[in-house]
Amino acid sequence: MTRARQLESVPPRTRNTGTPSSSSAPSPVRTSGVGAGLVAAALIVSCSTYLMAWDLESCERMRAAALRNDRVLEIGYQRHHNPMYQAAYDGVVKAGVLGDIYHVRLAWHRNGSWRRKAERPSPDYDASQWGYPTFDHLINWRLYWKYSQGLMAELCSHQVNAANWFLGSSPEAVLASGGLYRFPENREVYDHVYVTFEYPGGRTAVFSSIESNFT
């Protein structure tokens, strides 16, 4: 068995381990450019959707690095690994049980602010060594646009991937809105988002993600 290899260039609280044939990228790679380097160094790189990269250009760099170095780059869309979704696709959608599909409704509703509470590792701990202006930015990076693409990247990506899978196509147009409605203090990333996707053939999908789901 190959011993795990520690990645020393990431903050201690977000550090992961990997083997020479498999690496997992921590959250700060989206702005540090580590992602493409991991693809070049490892045989297999498996990332969660929000850990892949911060923007489309960075995603394309990782994809290009995988092709250039003949590596495997896997993005872990949760629904593709869910036996229930696999069974639904094979036994219902692919089998044509539903007939023609014209509309898909997607939702990921939560009751919470995404804010984490943590103590500094030491009284003089300096988060700037990892590129963060404050300790709160390090611990709660999801709440700031500099590091996070919010509910769309972390939650909607999984849902729209399932819609793409089931419909066998990708959206041609998107209309979205959002805002800070329940937790407006000390954060930038929206706590509510609403999206409409237009697919080929007159099909649509709507997605909502809220942080005020009290029931």
N, C-alpha and C. Protein backbone atom coordinates (compact mmCIF):
# COMPACT_ATOMS: atom_id res chain seq x y z
N MET A 1 0.85 -1.19 0.00
CA MET A 1 0.00 0.00 0.00
C MET A 1 0.88 1.24 0.00
N THR A 2 0.57 2.20 -0.87
CA THR A 2 1.32 3.43 -0.93
C THR A 2 0.96 4.34 0.22
N ARG A 3 1.98 4.92 0.84
CA ARG A 3 1.73 5.81 1.96
C ARG A 3 1.10 7.11 1.47
N ALA A 4 0.22 7.67 2.29
CA ALA A 4 -0.42 8.94 1.95
C ALA A 4 0.61 10.05 1.91
N ARG A 5 0.42 10.99 1.02
CA ARG A 5 1.33 12.12 0.89
C ARG A 5 0.62 13.37 1.38
N GLN A 6 1.25 14.09 2.31
CA GLN A 6 0.66 15.29 2.87
C GLN A 6 0.93 16.49 1.97
N LEU A 7 -0.10 17.32 1.76
CA LEU A 7 0.06 18.54 1.00
C LEU A 7 0.36 19.67 1.97
N GLU A 8 1.57 20.22 1.92
CA GLU A 8 2.00 21.20 2.91
C GLU A 8 1.72 22.64 2.52
N SER A 9 1.23 22.88 1.32
CA SER A 9 1.07 24.25 0.84
C SER A 9 -0.34 24.79 1.04
N VAL A 10 -1.11 24.18 1.94
CA VAL A 10 -2.47 24.65 2.19
C VAL A 10 -2.67 24.84 3.67
N PRO A 11 -3.63 25.67 4.08
CA PRO A 11 -3.85 25.94 5.50
C PRO A 11 -4.12 24.68 6.29
N PRO A 12 -3.66 24.60 7.55
CA PRO A 12 -3.85 23.39 8.36
C PRO A 12 -5.29 22.97 8.49
N ARG A 13 -6.24 23.91 8.58
CA ARG A 13 -7.62 23.55 8.82
C ARG A 13 -8.32 23.08 7.55
N THR A 14 -7.69 23.26 6.39
CA THR A 14 -8.31 22.81 5.15
C THR A 14 -7.45 21.78 4.45
N ARG A 15 -6.40 21.30 5.13
CA ARG A 15 -5.46 20.39 4.49
C ARG A 15 -6.07 19.02 4.28
N ASN A 16 -5.76 18.39 3.15
CA ASN A 16 -6.17 17.03 2.84
C ASN A 16 -4.95 16.21 2.50
N THR A 17 -5.12 14.92 2.41
CA THR A 17 -4.03 14.05 2.01
C THR A 17 -4.39 13.35 0.72
N GLY A 18 -3.37 12.83 0.05
CA GLY A 18 -3.61 12.12 -1.19
C GLY A 18 -2.47 11.16 -1.46
N THR A 19 -2.66 10.24 -2.38
CA THR A 19 -1.61 9.33 -2.77
C THR A 19 -1.05 9.79 -4.10
N PRO A 20 0.11 9.26 -4.53
CA PRO A 20 0.65 9.67 -5.83
C PRO A 20 -0.31 9.43 -6.99
N SER A 21 -1.27 8.55 -6.81
CA SER A 21 -2.21 8.29 -7.89
C SER A 21 -3.56 8.95 -7.67
N SER A 22 -3.70 9.64 -6.57
CA SER A 22 -4.97 10.30 -6.30
C SER A 22 -4.75 11.48 -5.38
N SER A 23 -5.20 12.66 -5.77
CA SER A 23 -5.04 13.85 -4.94
C SER A 23 -6.37 14.54 -4.80
N SER A 24 -6.55 15.21 -3.67
CA SER A 24 -7.78 15.95 -3.43
C SER A 24 -7.42 17.40 -3.16
N ALA A 25 -8.05 18.32 -3.86
CA ALA A 25 -7.68 19.73 -3.77
C ALA A 25 -8.48 20.45 -2.70
N PRO A 26 -7.84 21.23 -1.81
CA PRO A 26 -8.54 22.00 -0.79
C PRO A 26 -9.12 23.28 -1.37
N SER A 27 -9.96 23.94 -0.58
CA SER A 27 -10.69 25.09 -1.08
C SER A 27 -9.83 26.22 -1.63
N PRO A 28 -8.70 26.59 -1.03
CA PRO A 28 -7.95 27.74 -1.55
C PRO A 28 -7.36 27.55 -2.94
N VAL A 29 -7.38 26.34 -3.50
CA VAL A 29 -6.78 26.16 -4.83
C VAL A 29 -7.48 27.00 -5.88
N ARG A 30 -8.68 27.45 -5.62
CA ARG A 30 -9.42 28.16 -6.65
C ARG A 30 -8.79 29.49 -6.99
N THR A 31 -8.00 30.04 -6.06
CA THR A 31 -7.34 31.30 -6.36
C THR A 31 -5.83 31.15 -6.35
N SER A 32 -5.29 30.00 -6.01
CA SER A 32 -3.84 29.85 -5.92
C SER A 32 -3.23 29.14 -7.11
N GLY A 33 -4.05 28.54 -7.99
CA GLY A 33 -3.53 27.86 -9.15
C GLY A 33 -2.97 26.49 -8.86
N VAL A 34 -3.20 25.95 -7.66
CA VAL A 34 -2.69 24.63 -7.31
C VAL A 34 -3.39 23.54 -8.11
N GLY A 35 -4.65 23.78 -8.48
CA GLY A 35 -5.44 22.74 -9.13
C GLY A 35 -4.79 22.17 -10.36
N ALA A 36 -4.35 23.01 -11.29
CA ALA A 36 -3.74 22.52 -12.51
C ALA A 36 -2.44 21.80 -12.22
N GLY A 37 -1.72 22.25 -11.19
CA GLY A 37 -0.48 21.57 -10.81
C GLY A 37 -0.74 20.18 -10.28
N LEU A 38 -1.81 20.01 -9.52
CA LEU A 38 -2.17 18.68 -9.03
C LEU A 38 -2.51 17.75 -10.18
N VAL A 39 -3.20 18.27 -11.18
CA VAL A 39 -3.55 17.44 -12.33
C VAL A 39 -2.29 16.95 -13.03
N ALA A 40 -1.30 17.83 -13.16
CA ALA A 40 -0.06 17.45 -13.84
C ALA A 40 0.75 16.46 -13.00
N ALA A 41 0.67 16.55 -11.67
CA ALA A 41 1.51 15.73 -10.81
C ALA A 41 0.92 14.36 -10.50
N ALA A 42 -0.39 14.24 -10.48
CA ALA A 42 -1.04 13.00 -10.07
C ALA A 42 -1.64 12.27 -11.26
N LEU A 43 -1.83 10.98 -11.11
CA LEU A 43 -2.49 10.20 -12.14
C LEU A 43 -3.98 10.44 -12.14
N ILE A 44 -4.55 10.63 -10.95
CA ILE A 44 -5.98 10.86 -10.82
C ILE A 44 -6.20 12.03 -9.87
N VAL A 45 -7.01 12.97 -10.25
CA VAL A 45 -7.40 14.07 -9.37
C VAL A 45 -8.92 14.05 -9.26
N SER A 46 -9.41 13.96 -8.05
CA SER A 46 -10.85 13.97 -7.80
C SER A 46 -11.19 15.19 -6.96
N CYS A 47 -12.06 16.04 -7.48
CA CYS A 47 -12.45 17.27 -6.80
C CYS A 47 -13.95 17.30 -6.60
N SER A 48 -14.36 17.93 -5.51
CA SER A 48 -15.76 18.29 -5.40
C SER A 48 -16.01 19.47 -6.33
N THR A 49 -17.26 19.74 -6.63
CA THR A 49 -17.58 20.80 -7.58
C THR A 49 -17.02 22.14 -7.14
N TYR A 50 -17.21 22.51 -5.88
CA TYR A 50 -16.76 23.83 -5.44
C TYR A 50 -15.26 23.87 -5.17
N LEU A 51 -14.57 22.72 -5.20
CA LEU A 51 -13.14 22.70 -5.01
C LEU A 51 -12.38 22.72 -6.32
N MET A 52 -13.07 22.62 -7.44
CA MET A 52 -12.37 22.52 -8.72
C MET A 52 -11.61 23.80 -9.02
N ALA A 53 -12.30 24.90 -9.10
CA ALA A 53 -11.68 26.18 -9.43
C ALA A 53 -12.67 27.29 -9.15
N TRP A 54 -12.17 28.52 -9.13
CA TRP A 54 -13.04 29.64 -8.78
C TRP A 54 -13.83 30.16 -9.96
N ASP A 55 -13.28 30.05 -11.17
CA ASP A 55 -13.97 30.59 -12.33
C ASP A 55 -13.81 29.65 -13.52
N LEU A 56 -14.50 29.98 -14.61
CA LEU A 56 -14.51 29.12 -15.79
C LEU A 56 -13.11 28.97 -16.37
N GLU A 57 -12.35 30.05 -16.39
CA GLU A 57 -11.00 29.99 -16.97
C GLU A 57 -10.12 29.00 -16.20
N SER A 58 -10.23 29.00 -14.87
CA SER A 58 -9.43 28.08 -14.06
C SER A 58 -9.87 26.63 -14.29
N CYS A 59 -11.18 26.43 -14.47
CA CYS A 59 -11.68 25.09 -14.79
C CYS A 59 -11.10 24.61 -16.12
N GLU A 60 -11.06 25.50 -17.10
CA GLU A 60 -10.53 25.12 -18.41
C GLU A 60 -9.03 24.82 -18.32
N ARG A 61 -8.29 25.52 -17.44
CA ARG A 61 -6.87 25.23 -17.27
C ARG A 61 -6.66 23.84 -16.69
N MET A 62 -7.51 23.47 -15.72
CA MET A 62 -7.40 22.12 -15.16
C MET A 62 -7.74 21.07 -16.20
N ARG A 63 -8.76 21.32 -16.99
CA ARG A 63 -9.14 20.37 -18.05
C ARG A 63 -8.02 20.24 -19.07
N ALA A 64 -7.42 21.36 -19.46
CA ALA A 64 -6.34 21.34 -20.43
C ALA A 64 -5.13 20.59 -19.87
N ALA A 65 -4.85 20.80 -18.56
CA ALA A 65 -3.72 20.10 -17.94
C ALA A 65 -3.95 18.59 -17.93
N ALA A 66 -5.19 18.17 -17.71
CA ALA A 66 -5.51 16.74 -17.72
C ALA A 66 -5.29 16.15 -19.11
N LEU A 67 -5.74 16.86 -20.14
CA LEU A 67 -5.58 16.37 -21.50
C LEU A 67 -4.10 16.38 -21.91
N ARG A 68 -3.40 17.43 -21.53
CA ARG A 68 -2.00 17.58 -21.93
C ARG A 68 -1.11 16.53 -21.28
N ASN A 69 -1.42 16.17 -20.04
CA ASN A 69 -0.59 15.22 -19.29
C ASN A 69 -1.18 13.82 -19.24
N ASP A 70 -2.27 13.59 -19.99
CA ASP A 70 -2.93 12.27 -20.03
C ASP A 70 -3.30 11.81 -18.63
N ARG A 71 -3.97 12.68 -17.89
CA ARG A 71 -4.39 12.39 -16.53
C ARG A 71 -5.92 12.25 -16.46
N VAL A 72 -6.37 11.64 -15.37
CA VAL A 72 -7.80 11.52 -15.11
C VAL A 72 -8.22 12.63 -14.16
N LEU A 73 -9.17 13.45 -14.58
CA LEU A 73 -9.71 14.52 -13.75
C LEU A 73 -11.19 14.24 -13.52
N GLU A 74 -11.56 13.98 -12.29
CA GLU A 74 -12.95 13.66 -11.95
C GLU A 74 -13.54 14.76 -11.09
N ILE A 75 -14.73 15.23 -11.46
CA ILE A 75 -15.46 16.20 -10.66
C ILE A 75 -16.62 15.46 -10.00
N GLY A 76 -16.66 15.48 -8.70
CA GLY A 76 -17.58 14.63 -7.95
C GLY A 76 -18.99 15.19 -7.82
N TYR A 77 -19.76 15.10 -8.88
CA TYR A 77 -21.17 15.46 -8.77
C TYR A 77 -21.89 14.40 -7.96
N GLN A 78 -22.51 14.83 -6.86
CA GLN A 78 -23.07 13.88 -5.89
C GLN A 78 -24.12 12.96 -6.49
N ARG A 79 -24.98 13.49 -7.35
CA ARG A 79 -26.11 12.69 -7.84
C ARG A 79 -25.64 11.54 -8.74
N HIS A 80 -24.52 11.72 -9.41
CA HIS A 80 -24.00 10.64 -10.24
C HIS A 80 -23.53 9.45 -9.41
N HIS A 81 -23.22 9.68 -8.14
CA HIS A 81 -22.76 8.62 -7.25
C HIS A 81 -23.88 8.08 -6.38
N ASN A 82 -25.09 8.54 -6.60
CA ASN A 82 -26.23 8.15 -5.77
C ASN A 82 -26.99 7.01 -6.45
N PRO A 83 -27.05 5.84 -5.82
CA PRO A 83 -27.74 4.69 -6.44
C PRO A 83 -29.20 4.98 -6.79
N MET A 84 -29.85 5.83 -6.01
CA MET A 84 -31.25 6.14 -6.29
C MET A 84 -31.39 6.91 -7.61
N TYR A 85 -30.49 7.85 -7.85
CA TYR A 85 -30.53 8.60 -9.10
C TYR A 85 -30.16 7.70 -10.27
N GLN A 86 -29.18 6.83 -10.08
CA GLN A 86 -28.81 5.89 -11.13
C GLN A 86 -29.98 4.98 -11.49
N ALA A 87 -30.67 4.49 -10.46
CA ALA A 87 -31.83 3.62 -10.70
C ALA A 87 -32.96 4.39 -11.38
N ALA A 88 -33.15 5.66 -10.96
CA ALA A 88 -34.21 6.47 -11.57
C ALA A 88 -33.91 6.72 -13.04
N TYR A 89 -32.65 6.98 -13.35
CA TYR A 89 -32.30 7.22 -14.75
C TYR A 89 -32.48 5.96 -15.59
N ASP A 90 -31.94 4.84 -15.12
CA ASP A 90 -32.00 3.60 -15.90
C ASP A 90 -33.42 3.04 -15.98
N GLY A 91 -34.13 3.05 -14.83
CA GLY A 91 -35.43 2.38 -14.78
C GLY A 91 -36.61 3.24 -15.15
N VAL A 92 -36.43 4.58 -15.11
CA VAL A 92 -37.56 5.46 -15.37
C VAL A 92 -37.31 6.37 -16.58
N VAL A 93 -36.25 7.18 -16.49
CA VAL A 93 -36.00 8.16 -17.56
C VAL A 93 -35.57 7.47 -18.85
N LYS A 94 -34.51 6.68 -18.77
CA LYS A 94 -33.99 6.01 -19.97
C LYS A 94 -35.00 5.03 -20.55
N ALA A 95 -35.79 4.42 -19.68
CA ALA A 95 -36.79 3.46 -20.13
C ALA A 95 -38.02 4.13 -20.75
N GLY A 96 -38.09 5.46 -20.64
CA GLY A 96 -39.20 6.19 -21.25
C GLY A 96 -40.49 6.14 -20.48
N VAL A 97 -40.44 5.76 -19.22
CA VAL A 97 -41.66 5.65 -18.41
C VAL A 97 -42.35 7.01 -18.26
N LEU A 98 -41.56 8.08 -18.18
CA LEU A 98 -42.16 9.41 -17.99
C LEU A 98 -42.68 10.02 -19.28
N GLY A 99 -42.31 9.46 -20.40
CA GLY A 99 -42.68 10.08 -21.66
C GLY A 99 -41.83 11.32 -21.90
N ASP A 100 -42.40 12.30 -22.60
CA ASP A 100 -41.67 13.53 -22.88
C ASP A 100 -41.60 14.40 -21.63
N ILE A 101 -40.42 14.91 -21.34
CA ILE A 101 -40.20 15.77 -20.18
C ILE A 101 -40.07 17.21 -20.64
N TYR A 102 -40.87 18.10 -20.05
CA TYR A 102 -40.83 19.51 -20.44
C TYR A 102 -40.37 20.43 -19.31
N HIS A 103 -40.47 19.95 -18.08
CA HIS A 103 -40.12 20.83 -16.96
C HIS A 103 -39.49 20.01 -15.83
N VAL A 104 -38.46 20.58 -15.22
CA VAL A 104 -37.79 19.95 -14.08
C VAL A 104 -37.72 20.97 -12.95
N ARG A 105 -38.05 20.55 -11.76
CA ARG A 105 -37.99 21.43 -10.59
C ARG A 105 -36.88 20.95 -9.67
N LEU A 106 -35.94 21.82 -9.37
CA LEU A 106 -34.78 21.49 -8.54
C LEU A 106 -34.77 22.40 -7.31
N ALA A 107 -34.39 21.85 -6.17
CA ALA A 107 -34.34 22.66 -4.95
C ALA A 107 -33.31 22.10 -3.99
N TRP A 108 -32.66 23.02 -3.25
CA TRP A 108 -31.76 22.63 -2.17
C TRP A 108 -31.93 23.68 -1.08
N HIS A 109 -32.79 23.38 -0.12
CA HIS A 109 -33.15 24.34 0.91
C HIS A 109 -32.56 23.93 2.26
N ARG A 110 -32.05 24.92 2.95
CA ARG A 110 -31.42 24.68 4.24
C ARG A 110 -31.89 25.72 5.25
N ASN A 111 -31.62 25.44 6.51
CA ASN A 111 -31.91 26.39 7.58
C ASN A 111 -30.62 26.63 8.35
N GLY A 112 -29.83 27.58 7.87
CA GLY A 112 -28.55 27.88 8.50
C GLY A 112 -27.78 28.87 7.67
N SER A 113 -26.78 29.49 8.27
CA SER A 113 -26.09 30.61 7.63
C SER A 113 -24.81 30.24 6.91
N TRP A 114 -24.35 28.97 7.04
CA TRP A 114 -23.07 28.54 6.49
C TRP A 114 -21.89 29.04 7.32
N ARG A 115 -22.14 29.86 8.32
CA ARG A 115 -21.03 30.42 9.12
C ARG A 115 -20.50 29.38 10.09
N ARG A 116 -19.18 29.27 10.13
CA ARG A 116 -18.50 28.36 11.05
C ARG A 116 -17.92 29.14 12.23
N LYS A 117 -17.93 28.51 13.38
CA LYS A 117 -17.31 29.09 14.56
C LYS A 117 -16.09 28.26 14.93
N ALA A 118 -14.98 28.92 15.11
CA ALA A 118 -13.74 28.21 15.43
C ALA A 118 -12.80 29.13 16.18
N GLU A 119 -11.98 28.55 17.02
CA GLU A 119 -10.97 29.29 17.76
C GLU A 119 -9.67 29.33 16.96
N ARG A 120 -8.96 30.41 17.08
CA ARG A 120 -7.65 30.48 16.44
C ARG A 120 -6.74 29.39 16.98
N PRO A 121 -5.91 28.78 16.14
CA PRO A 121 -4.98 27.75 16.64
C PRO A 121 -4.05 28.28 17.72
N SER A 122 -3.73 29.58 17.67
CA SER A 122 -2.91 30.22 18.69
C SER A 122 -3.28 31.69 18.74
N PRO A 123 -3.01 32.38 19.85
CA PRO A 123 -3.40 33.79 19.96
C PRO A 123 -2.79 34.67 18.89
N ASP A 124 -1.60 34.33 18.42
CA ASP A 124 -0.92 35.16 17.42
C ASP A 124 -1.03 34.57 16.02
N TYR A 125 -1.99 33.68 15.79
CA TYR A 125 -2.13 33.03 14.48
C TYR A 125 -2.39 34.07 13.40
N ASP A 126 -1.64 33.99 12.30
CA ASP A 126 -1.72 34.95 11.21
C ASP A 126 -2.26 34.27 9.95
N ALA A 127 -3.50 34.59 9.61
CA ALA A 127 -4.14 33.97 8.43
C ALA A 127 -3.57 34.50 7.13
N SER A 128 -2.84 35.61 7.18
CA SER A 128 -2.31 36.19 5.94
C SER A 128 -1.26 35.30 5.29
N GLN A 129 -0.66 34.40 6.05
CA GLN A 129 0.32 33.49 5.46
C GLN A 129 -0.32 32.57 4.43
N TRP A 130 -1.64 32.43 4.50
CA TRP A 130 -2.37 31.62 3.52
C TRP A 130 -3.13 32.48 2.53
N GLY A 131 -2.92 33.79 2.57
CA GLY A 131 -3.55 34.68 1.61
C GLY A 131 -4.89 35.24 2.06
N TYR A 132 -5.23 35.11 3.34
CA TYR A 132 -6.50 35.61 3.85
C TYR A 132 -6.25 36.81 4.76
N PRO A 133 -7.01 37.88 4.62
CA PRO A 133 -6.77 39.07 5.44
C PRO A 133 -7.11 38.89 6.91
N THR A 134 -8.07 37.99 7.21
CA THR A 134 -8.47 37.76 8.59
C THR A 134 -8.71 36.26 8.81
N PHE A 135 -8.76 35.88 10.07
CA PHE A 135 -9.05 34.49 10.40
C PHE A 135 -10.47 34.12 9.98
N ASP A 136 -11.39 35.07 10.05
CA ASP A 136 -12.77 34.80 9.62
C ASP A 136 -12.82 34.48 8.12
N HIS A 137 -12.03 35.17 7.32
CA HIS A 137 -11.99 34.87 5.89
C HIS A 137 -11.46 33.47 5.64
N LEU A 138 -10.52 33.02 6.46
CA LEU A 138 -9.98 31.67 6.31
C LEU A 138 -11.03 30.62 6.67
N ILE A 139 -11.67 30.77 7.81
CA ILE A 139 -12.63 29.78 8.28
C ILE A 139 -13.94 29.84 7.51
N ASN A 140 -14.37 31.06 7.19
CA ASN A 140 -15.66 31.25 6.52
C ASN A 140 -15.49 31.73 5.08
N TRP A 141 -14.56 31.11 4.36
CA TRP A 141 -14.29 31.52 2.98
C TRP A 141 -15.52 31.39 2.09
N ARG A 142 -16.44 30.50 2.44
CA ARG A 142 -17.66 30.34 1.64
C ARG A 142 -18.51 31.60 1.59
N LEU A 143 -18.33 32.51 2.52
CA LEU A 143 -19.19 33.67 2.63
C LEU A 143 -18.67 34.89 1.88
N TYR A 144 -17.54 34.75 1.19
CA TYR A 144 -16.92 35.90 0.52
C TYR A 144 -16.68 35.60 -0.96
N TRP A 145 -17.05 36.55 -1.82
CA TRP A 145 -16.97 36.34 -3.26
C TRP A 145 -15.55 36.12 -3.75
N LYS A 146 -14.56 36.60 -3.04
CA LYS A 146 -13.17 36.42 -3.47
C LYS A 146 -12.79 34.95 -3.56
N TYR A 147 -13.41 34.12 -2.71
CA TYR A 147 -13.04 32.70 -2.65
C TYR A 147 -14.18 31.78 -3.06
N SER A 148 -15.41 32.25 -3.03
CA SER A 148 -16.57 31.37 -3.17
C SER A 148 -17.49 31.83 -4.29
N GLN A 149 -18.12 30.89 -4.97
CA GLN A 149 -19.18 31.20 -5.92
C GLN A 149 -20.55 30.87 -5.34
N GLY A 150 -20.59 30.62 -4.04
CA GLY A 150 -21.85 30.54 -3.32
C GLY A 150 -22.71 29.34 -3.63
N LEU A 151 -24.01 29.52 -3.40
CA LEU A 151 -24.97 28.43 -3.53
C LEU A 151 -25.04 27.86 -4.94
N MET A 152 -24.75 28.69 -5.93
CA MET A 152 -24.80 28.21 -7.32
C MET A 152 -23.72 27.16 -7.57
N ALA A 153 -22.52 27.41 -7.05
CA ALA A 153 -21.43 26.46 -7.28
C ALA A 153 -21.53 25.24 -6.37
N GLU A 154 -21.85 25.48 -5.11
CA GLU A 154 -21.79 24.39 -4.13
C GLU A 154 -23.01 23.48 -4.17
N LEU A 155 -24.17 24.02 -4.51
CA LEU A 155 -25.39 23.22 -4.46
C LEU A 155 -26.05 23.08 -5.82
N CYS A 156 -26.23 24.19 -6.52
CA CYS A 156 -26.90 24.14 -7.81
C CYS A 156 -26.14 23.28 -8.81
N SER A 157 -24.82 23.27 -8.74
CA SER A 157 -24.03 22.50 -9.69
C SER A 157 -24.42 21.02 -9.67
N HIS A 158 -24.67 20.48 -8.48
CA HIS A 158 -25.07 19.07 -8.38
C HIS A 158 -26.45 18.84 -9.01
N GLN A 159 -27.34 19.77 -8.75
CA GLN A 159 -28.72 19.61 -9.22
C GLN A 159 -28.83 19.79 -10.73
N VAL A 160 -28.16 20.82 -11.26
CA VAL A 160 -28.27 21.04 -12.70
C VAL A 160 -27.51 19.95 -13.46
N ASN A 161 -26.48 19.38 -12.84
CA ASN A 161 -25.81 18.24 -13.46
C ASN A 161 -26.77 17.07 -13.62
N ALA A 162 -27.61 16.84 -12.61
CA ALA A 162 -28.60 15.77 -12.70
C ALA A 162 -29.63 16.07 -13.79
N ALA A 163 -30.03 17.34 -13.88
CA ALA A 163 -30.98 17.71 -14.94
C ALA A 163 -30.36 17.52 -16.32
N ASN A 164 -29.09 17.91 -16.47
CA ASN A 164 -28.39 17.70 -17.75
C ASN A 164 -28.34 16.22 -18.09
N TRP A 165 -28.05 15.43 -17.09
CA TRP A 165 -27.94 13.97 -17.25
C TRP A 165 -29.28 13.39 -17.70
N PHE A 166 -30.33 13.73 -16.99
CA PHE A 166 -31.64 13.16 -17.27
C PHE A 166 -32.22 13.67 -18.59
N LEU A 167 -31.93 14.93 -18.93
CA LEU A 167 -32.47 15.51 -20.16
C LEU A 167 -31.55 15.27 -21.36
N GLY A 168 -30.33 14.85 -21.09
CA GLY A 168 -29.40 14.57 -22.17
C GLY A 168 -28.93 15.79 -22.93
N SER A 169 -28.89 16.94 -22.25
CA SER A 169 -28.46 18.17 -22.90
C SER A 169 -28.06 19.19 -21.85
N SER A 170 -27.59 20.34 -22.30
CA SER A 170 -27.17 21.42 -21.41
C SER A 170 -28.01 22.66 -21.66
N PRO A 171 -28.13 23.54 -20.67
CA PRO A 171 -28.94 24.75 -20.85
C PRO A 171 -28.38 25.65 -21.95
N GLU A 172 -29.29 26.31 -22.64
CA GLU A 172 -28.92 27.28 -23.67
C GLU A 172 -29.00 28.71 -23.15
N ALA A 173 -29.78 28.93 -22.09
CA ALA A 173 -29.91 30.27 -21.51
C ALA A 173 -30.25 30.12 -20.03
N VAL A 174 -29.84 31.12 -19.25
CA VAL A 174 -30.06 31.09 -17.80
C VAL A 174 -30.51 32.47 -17.35
N LEU A 175 -31.50 32.50 -16.48
CA LEU A 175 -31.96 33.73 -15.83
C LEU A 175 -31.91 33.49 -14.33
N ALA A 176 -31.22 34.38 -13.59
CA ALA A 176 -31.03 34.14 -12.16
C ALA A 176 -31.14 35.43 -11.37
N SER A 177 -31.53 35.27 -10.13
CA SER A 177 -31.55 36.39 -9.18
C SER A 177 -31.23 35.84 -7.80
N GLY A 178 -30.86 36.73 -6.89
CA GLY A 178 -30.54 36.31 -5.54
C GLY A 178 -30.25 37.51 -4.66
N GLY A 179 -30.01 37.24 -3.40
CA GLY A 179 -29.70 38.33 -2.49
C GLY A 179 -29.44 37.84 -1.08
N LEU A 180 -29.10 38.81 -0.23
CA LEU A 180 -28.90 38.54 1.19
C LEU A 180 -30.17 38.95 1.91
N TYR A 181 -30.98 37.99 2.29
CA TYR A 181 -32.29 38.27 2.86
C TYR A 181 -32.40 37.91 4.34
N ARG A 182 -31.81 36.79 4.73
CA ARG A 182 -31.94 36.37 6.13
C ARG A 182 -30.68 36.67 6.94
N PHE A 183 -29.51 36.56 6.32
CA PHE A 183 -28.24 36.76 7.03
C PHE A 183 -27.42 37.84 6.33
N PRO A 184 -27.84 39.09 6.39
CA PRO A 184 -27.15 40.14 5.63
C PRO A 184 -25.85 40.64 6.25
N GLU A 185 -25.59 40.32 7.52
CA GLU A 185 -24.43 40.86 8.20
C GLU A 185 -23.18 40.01 8.01
N ASN A 186 -22.05 40.67 7.83
CA ASN A 186 -20.72 40.04 7.84
C ASN A 186 -20.58 38.92 6.81
N ARG A 187 -21.13 39.13 5.63
CA ARG A 187 -20.95 38.19 4.53
C ARG A 187 -21.27 38.89 3.22
N GLU A 188 -20.85 38.28 2.12
CA GLU A 188 -21.11 38.82 0.80
C GLU A 188 -21.93 37.87 -0.06
N VAL A 189 -21.71 36.58 0.09
CA VAL A 189 -22.35 35.57 -0.73
C VAL A 189 -23.84 35.48 -0.39
N TYR A 190 -24.67 35.38 -1.41
CA TYR A 190 -26.12 35.37 -1.23
C TYR A 190 -26.59 34.18 -0.39
N ASP A 191 -27.65 34.40 0.38
CA ASP A 191 -28.25 33.31 1.14
C ASP A 191 -29.53 32.78 0.47
N HIS A 192 -29.97 33.41 -0.60
CA HIS A 192 -31.11 32.94 -1.39
C HIS A 192 -30.78 33.13 -2.88
N VAL A 193 -31.02 32.09 -3.69
CA VAL A 193 -30.86 32.22 -5.14
C VAL A 193 -32.01 31.52 -5.84
N TYR A 194 -32.40 32.06 -7.00
CA TYR A 194 -33.49 31.52 -7.81
C TYR A 194 -33.06 31.55 -9.27
N VAL A 195 -33.22 30.42 -9.97
CA VAL A 195 -32.67 30.30 -11.31
C VAL A 195 -33.66 29.59 -12.24
N THR A 196 -33.73 30.04 -13.48
CA THR A 196 -34.46 29.34 -14.53
C THR A 196 -33.50 28.99 -15.65
N PHE A 197 -33.46 27.72 -16.03
CA PHE A 197 -32.61 27.24 -17.11
C PHE A 197 -33.49 26.88 -18.31
N GLU A 198 -33.10 27.32 -19.49
CA GLU A 198 -33.80 26.97 -20.71
C GLU A 198 -32.98 25.94 -21.47
N TYR A 199 -33.62 24.79 -21.75
CA TYR A 199 -32.96 23.69 -22.45
C TYR A 199 -33.48 23.59 -23.88
N PRO A 200 -32.74 22.93 -24.75
CA PRO A 200 -33.22 22.73 -26.13
C PRO A 200 -34.57 22.00 -26.14
N GLY A 201 -35.35 22.24 -27.15
CA GLY A 201 -36.61 21.55 -27.30
C GLY A 201 -37.74 22.10 -26.45
N GLY A 202 -37.61 23.37 -26.02
CA GLY A 202 -38.68 23.98 -25.24
C GLY A 202 -38.80 23.46 -23.82
N ARG A 203 -37.73 22.94 -23.26
CA ARG A 203 -37.76 22.40 -21.90
C ARG A 203 -37.10 23.39 -20.94
N THR A 204 -37.58 23.42 -19.71
CA THR A 204 -37.05 24.32 -18.70
C THR A 204 -36.80 23.58 -17.40
N ALA A 205 -35.91 24.17 -16.59
CA ALA A 205 -35.68 23.69 -15.23
C ALA A 205 -35.57 24.90 -14.32
N VAL A 206 -36.15 24.82 -13.15
CA VAL A 206 -36.04 25.90 -12.18
C VAL A 206 -35.33 25.37 -10.94
N PHE A 207 -34.49 26.21 -10.37
CA PHE A 207 -33.73 25.84 -9.17
C PHE A 207 -33.86 26.95 -8.14
N SER A 208 -34.02 26.55 -6.89
CA SER A 208 -33.99 27.51 -5.79
C SER A 208 -33.15 26.93 -4.66
N SER A 209 -32.42 27.82 -4.01
CA SER A 209 -31.66 27.44 -2.82
C SER A 209 -31.81 28.56 -1.81
N ILE A 210 -32.28 28.21 -0.62
CA ILE A 210 -32.53 29.20 0.42
C ILE A 210 -31.92 28.74 1.73
N GLU A 211 -31.64 29.71 2.59
CA GLU A 211 -31.10 29.41 3.92
C GLU A 211 -32.11 29.80 4.99
N SER A 212 -33.39 29.70 4.65
CA SER A 212 -34.46 30.05 5.59
C SER A 212 -35.54 28.98 5.60
N ASN A 213 -35.12 27.74 5.44
CA ASN A 213 -36.08 26.64 5.39
C ASN A 213 -36.37 26.18 6.81
N PHE A 214 -37.40 26.76 7.42
CA PHE A 214 -37.69 26.53 8.83
C PHE A 214 -38.45 25.23 9.07
N THR A 215 -39.01 24.62 8.04
CA THR A 215 -39.82 23.42 8.25
C THR A 215 -39.06 22.16 7.91
